[in-house]
C-alpha atoms as a PDB file:
ATOM      1  CA  MET A   1       0.000   0.000   0.000  1.00  0.00           C
ATOM      2  CA  ASN A   2       1.540   3.354  -1.044  1.00  0.00           C
ATOM      3  CA  ASN A   3       1.403   6.649   0.858  1.00  0.00           C
ATOM      4  CA  LEU A   4      -1.624   7.962  -1.055  1.00  0.00           C
ATOM      5  CA  GLN A   5      -3.611   4.783  -0.381  1.00  0.00           C
ATOM      6  CA  LYS A   6      -2.692   4.902   3.313  1.00  0.00           C
ATOM      7  CA  TYR A   7      -3.661   8.580   3.453  1.00  0.00           C
ATOM      8  CA  THR A   8      -6.982   7.839   1.744  1.00  0.00           C
ATOM      9  CA  GLN A   9      -7.687   5.119   4.293  1.00  0.00           C
ATOM     10  CA  TRP A  10      -6.738   7.518   7.116  1.00  0.00           C
ATOM     11  CA  LEU A  11      -9.259  10.041   5.731  1.00  0.00           C
ATOM     12  CA  LYS A  12     -11.944   7.326   5.515  1.00  0.00           C
ATOM     13  CA  ASN A  13     -11.299   6.465   9.151  1.00  0.00           C
ATOM     14  CA  LYS A  14     -11.973  10.131   9.956  1.00  0.00           C
ATOM     15  CA  SER A  15     -15.437   9.680   8.346  1.00  0.00           C
ATOM     16  CA  LEU A  16     -14.930  12.208   5.565  1.00  0.00           C
ATOM     17  CA  GLN A  17     -17.284  12.177   2.589  1.00  0.00           C
ATOM     18  CA  PRO A  18     -16.057  10.309  -0.537  1.00  0.00           C
ATOM     19  CA  SER A  19     -16.120  13.557  -2.557  1.00  0.00           C
ATOM     20  CA  THR A  20     -13.910  15.243   0.063  1.00  0.00           C
ATOM     21  CA  ILE A  21     -11.497  12.316   0.021  1.00  0.00           C
ATOM     22  CA  ARG A  22     -11.260  12.549  -3.790  1.00  0.00           C
ATOM     23  CA  VAL A  23     -10.395  16.267  -3.595  1.00  0.00           C
ATOM     24  CA  TYR A  24      -7.806  15.680  -0.854  1.00  0.00           C
ATOM     25  CA  SER A  25      -6.219  12.797  -2.794  1.00  0.00           C
ATOM     26  CA  THR A  26      -6.077  14.793  -6.035  1.00  0.00           C
ATOM     27  CA  ILE A  27      -4.357  17.749  -4.377  1.00  0.00           C
ATOM     28  CA  ILE A  28      -1.912  15.585  -2.386  1.00  0.00           C
ATOM     29  CA  LYS A  29      -0.919  13.315  -5.276  1.00  0.00           C
ATOM     30  CA  PRO A  30       1.974  15.511  -6.566  1.00  0.00           C
ATOM     31  CA  TYR A  31       3.404  15.856  -3.046  1.00  0.00           C
ATOM     32  CA  GLN A  32       2.965  12.355  -1.650  1.00  0.00           C
ATOM     33  CA  ASP A  33       6.573  11.274  -2.158  1.00  0.00           C
ATOM     34  CA  LYS A  34       8.218  14.615  -1.360  1.00  0.00           C
ATOM     35  CA  LEU A  35       9.739  15.676   1.915  1.00  0.00           C
ATOM     36  CA  LEU A  36       7.441  18.433   3.170  1.00  0.00           C
ATOM     37  CA  THR A  37       9.167  21.186   5.100  1.00  0.00           C
ATOM     38  CA  THR A  38       8.096  24.730   5.950  1.00  0.00           C
ATOM     39  CA  LYS A  39      10.356  26.037   3.173  1.00  0.00           C
ATOM     40  CA  LYS A  40       8.976  23.585   0.579  1.00  0.00           C
ATOM     41  CA  LEU A  41       5.360  24.299   1.568  1.00  0.00           C
ATOM     42  CA  ALA A  42       6.014  28.053   1.387  1.00  0.00           C
ATOM     43  CA  GLN A  43       7.336  27.571  -2.161  1.00  0.00           C
ATOM     44  CA  ILE A  44       4.221  25.576  -3.094  1.00  0.00           C
ATOM     45  CA  ILE A  45       1.919  28.334  -1.803  1.00  0.00           C
ATOM     46  CA  LYS A  46       4.012  31.141  -3.371  1.00  0.00           C
ATOM     47  CA  SER A  47       3.946  29.434  -6.768  1.00  0.00           C
ATOM     48  CA  GLY A  48       0.146  29.180  -6.488  1.00  0.00           C
ATOM     49  CA  LEU A  49      -0.363  32.882  -5.755  1.00  0.00           C
ATOM     50  CA  VAL A  50      -0.380  33.698  -9.477  1.00  0.00           C
ATOM     51  CA  LYS A  51      -2.500  30.758 -10.614  1.00  0.00           C
ATOM     52  CA  TYR A  52      -5.094  30.262  -7.861  1.00  0.00           C
ATOM     53  CA  THR A  53      -7.620  32.192  -5.805  1.00  0.00           C
ATOM     54  CA  PRO A  54      -6.981  32.781  -2.105  1.00  0.00           C
ATOM     55  CA  SER A  55      -9.845  30.424  -1.177  1.00  0.00           C
ATOM     56  CA  TYR A  56      -8.266  27.610  -3.219  1.00  0.00           C
ATOM     57  CA  LEU A  57      -4.913  28.264  -1.558  1.00  0.00           C
ATOM     58  CA  VAL A  58      -6.570  28.092   1.863  1.00  0.00           C
ATOM     59  CA  LEU A  59      -8.094  24.742   0.868  1.00  0.00           C
ATOM     60  CA  LYS A  60      -4.731  23.521  -0.415  1.00  0.00           C
ATOM     61  CA  ARG A  61      -3.030  24.611   2.831  1.00  0.00           C
ATOM     62  CA  GLU A  62      -5.637  22.744   4.899  1.00  0.00           C
ATOM     63  CA  ILE A  63      -5.199  19.609   2.806  1.00  0.00           C
ATOM     64  CA  LEU A  64      -1.408  19.811   3.075  1.00  0.00           C
ATOM     65  CA  LYS A  65      -1.812  20.353   6.814  1.00  0.00           C
ATOM     66  CA  SER A  66      -4.001  17.260   7.015  1.00  0.00           C
ATOM     67  CA  TYR A  67      -1.406  15.273   5.090  1.00  0.00           C
ATOM     68  CA  SER A  68       1.358  16.498   7.415  1.00  0.00           C
ATOM     69  CA  GLN A  69      -0.726  15.326  10.393  1.00  0.00           C
ATOM     70  CA  PHE A  70      -1.100  11.933   8.719  1.00  0.00           C
ATOM     71  CA  LYS A  71       2.673  11.797   8.148  1.00  0.00           C
ATOM     72  CA  GLN A  72       3.212  13.127  11.705  1.00  0.00           C
ATOM     73  CA  LEU A  73       5.346  16.045  10.524  1.00  0.00           C
ATOM     74  CA  ARG A  74       5.527  18.349  13.531  1.00  0.00           C
ATOM     75  CA  ALA A  75       8.271  20.794  12.525  1.00  0.00           C
ATOM     76  CA  ILE A  76       6.165  22.766  10.012  1.00  0.00           C
ATOM     77  CA  ASN A  77       5.437  26.414  10.808  1.00  0.00           C
ATOM     78  CA  TRP A  78       1.836  26.742   9.602  1.00  0.00           C
ATOM     79  CA  GLU A  79       1.553  30.356  10.778  1.00  0.00           C
ATOM     80  CA  GLN A  80       4.338  31.340   8.391  1.00  0.00           C
ATOM     81  CA  ILE A  81       2.594  29.560   5.509  1.00  0.00           C
ATOM     82  CA  THR A  82      -0.794  31.076   6.378  1.00  0.00           C
ATOM     83  CA  LYS A  83       0.688  34.591   6.218  1.00  0.00           C
ATOM     84  CA  LEU A  84       1.582  34.015   2.553  1.00  0.00           C
ATOM     85  CA  ILE A  85      -2.062  33.588   1.529  1.00  0.00           C
ATOM     86  CA  PRO A  86      -4.069  36.766   0.828  1.00  0.00           C
ATOM     87  CA  GLN A  87      -7.205  37.376   2.898  1.00  0.00           C
ATOM     88  CA  VAL A  88     -10.248  35.544   1.543  1.00  0.00           C
ATOM     89  CA  GLN A  89     -13.167  37.832   0.765  1.00  0.00           C
ATOM     90  CA  LYS A  90     -16.349  36.598   2.415  1.00  0.00           C
ATOM     91  CA  LYS A  91     -19.223  35.852   0.061  1.00  0.00           C
ATOM     92  CA  PHE A  92     -22.734  36.856   0.871  1.00  0.00           C
ATOM     93  CA  PHE A  93     -25.469  34.623  -0.418  1.00  0.00           C
ATOM     94  CA  ALA A  94     -28.960  35.757  -1.239  1.00  0.00           C
ATOM     95  CA  THR A  95     -31.436  34.299   1.232  1.00  0.00           C
ATOM     96  CA  ILE A  96     -35.138  34.557   1.787  1.00  0.00           C
ATOM     97  CA  ASN A  97     -36.756  36.261   4.765  1.00  0.00           C
ATOM     98  CA  GLU A  98     -39.504  34.876   7.018  1.00  0.00           C
ATOM     99  CA  ALA A  99     -42.295  36.458   4.962  1.00  0.00           C
ATOM    100  CA  GLU A 100     -40.971  34.777   1.811  1.00  0.00           C
ATOM    101  CA  LEU A 101     -40.668  31.485   3.696  1.00  0.00           C
ATOM    102  CA  SER A 102     -44.292  31.804   4.741  1.00  0.00           C
ATOM    103  CA  GLN A 103     -45.355  32.415   1.139  1.00  0.00           C
ATOM    104  CA  LEU A 104     -43.274  29.460  -0.037  1.00  0.00           C
ATOM    105  CA  LYS A 105     -44.931  27.180   2.515  1.00  0.00           C
ATOM    106  CA  LYS A 106     -48.402  28.231   1.328  1.00  0.00           C
ATOM    107  CA  VAL A 107     -47.713  26.900  -2.158  1.00  0.00           C
ATOM    108  CA  ARG A 108     -49.160  23.429  -2.240  1.00  0.00           C
ATOM    109  CA  PHE A 109     -48.547  20.795  -4.894  1.00  0.00           C
ATOM    110  CA  GLU A 110     -48.910  17.751  -2.671  1.00  0.00           C
ATOM    111  CA  LYS A 111     -52.259  16.012  -2.401  1.00  0.00           C
ATOM    112  CA  ASP A 112     -51.338  14.114   0.755  1.00  0.00           C
ATOM    113  CA  ASN A 113     -51.459  16.330   3.862  1.00  0.00           C
ATOM    114  CA  GLN A 114     -48.638  14.411   5.623  1.00  0.00           C
ATOM    115  CA  ILE A 115     -46.284  14.964   2.686  1.00  0.00           C
ATOM    116  CA  TYR A 116     -47.269  18.659   2.632  1.00  0.00           C
ATOM    117  CA  GLN A 117     -46.471  18.978   6.351  1.00  0.00           C
ATOM    118  CA  ARG A 118     -43.205  17.082   5.934  1.00  0.00           C
ATOM    119  CA  ASN A 119     -42.133  19.371   3.087  1.00  0.00           C
ATOM    120  CA  ASN A 120     -42.937  22.461   5.143  1.00  0.00           C
ATOM    121  CA  LEU A 121     -40.902  21.054   8.035  1.00  0.00           C
ATOM    122  CA  ILE A 122     -37.967  20.492   5.657  1.00  0.00           C
ATOM    123  CA  LEU A 123     -38.252  24.100   4.421  1.00  0.00           C
ATOM    124  CA  GLU A 124     -38.279  25.419   7.989  1.00  0.00           C
ATOM    125  CA  PHE A 125     -35.325  23.228   8.943  1.00  0.00           C
ATOM    126  CA  LEU A 126     -33.330  24.514   5.964  1.00  0.00           C
ATOM    127  CA  PHE A 127     -34.275  28.118   6.727  1.00  0.00           C
ATOM    128  CA  TYR A 128     -33.621  28.191  10.468  1.00  0.00           C
ATOM    129  CA  SER A 129     -30.587  25.898  10.635  1.00  0.00           C
ATOM    130  CA  GLY A 130     -28.710  27.200   7.598  1.00  0.00           C
ATOM    131  CA  ILE A 131     -27.833  23.640   6.615  1.00  0.00           C
ATOM    132  CA  ARG A 132     -27.166  22.960   2.940  1.00  0.00           C
ATOM    133  CA  VAL A 133     -29.583  20.812   0.954  1.00  0.00           C
ATOM    134  CA  SER A 134     -26.758  18.371   0.189  1.00  0.00           C
ATOM    135  CA  GLU A 135     -26.037  18.061   3.928  1.00  0.00           C
ATOM    136  CA  LEU A 136     -29.716  17.567   4.723  1.00  0.00           C
ATOM    137  CA  THR A 137     -30.029  14.735   2.208  1.00  0.00           C
ATOM    138  CA  GLN A 138     -27.046  12.959   3.809  1.00  0.00           C
ATOM    139  CA  ILE A 139     -28.544  12.895   7.308  1.00  0.00           C
ATOM    140  CA  LYS A 140     -29.235   9.376   8.537  1.00  0.00           C
ATOM    141  CA  HIS A 141     -31.689   8.341  11.220  1.00  0.00           C
ATOM    142  CA  SER A 142     -28.723   7.420  13.468  1.00  0.00           C
ATOM    143  CA  ASP A 143     -27.470  11.037  13.311  1.00  0.00           C
END
């Protein structure tokens, strides 16, 4: 079993989603056999400043940090590497207000009253919790 396979298994043991594991594996692949030091990681981030957005570089740093934890590399100065990445601009997403939620709940396509009530409960849960639809669909009864 090579380093990437061991790392993938380590991520699975941490209960990460398969899509997350694929992203982590793809980003780590070029670095799996290299000795990662603070200097080398700083070079990786600096070379990405021209090509990538700050949010991608933050993701890449977090994935490299995860890989260094897997490899038990303790001598890396993550603060120094973080300082190289420009500040990420926060995005604001358009949301609906309570009046619009109320109007949305009044729209009725379902013939069965239980399904109608269930759908309204789902809408309220999405609205008040801020959970993503993709996260909601992954919730299991055991959660």
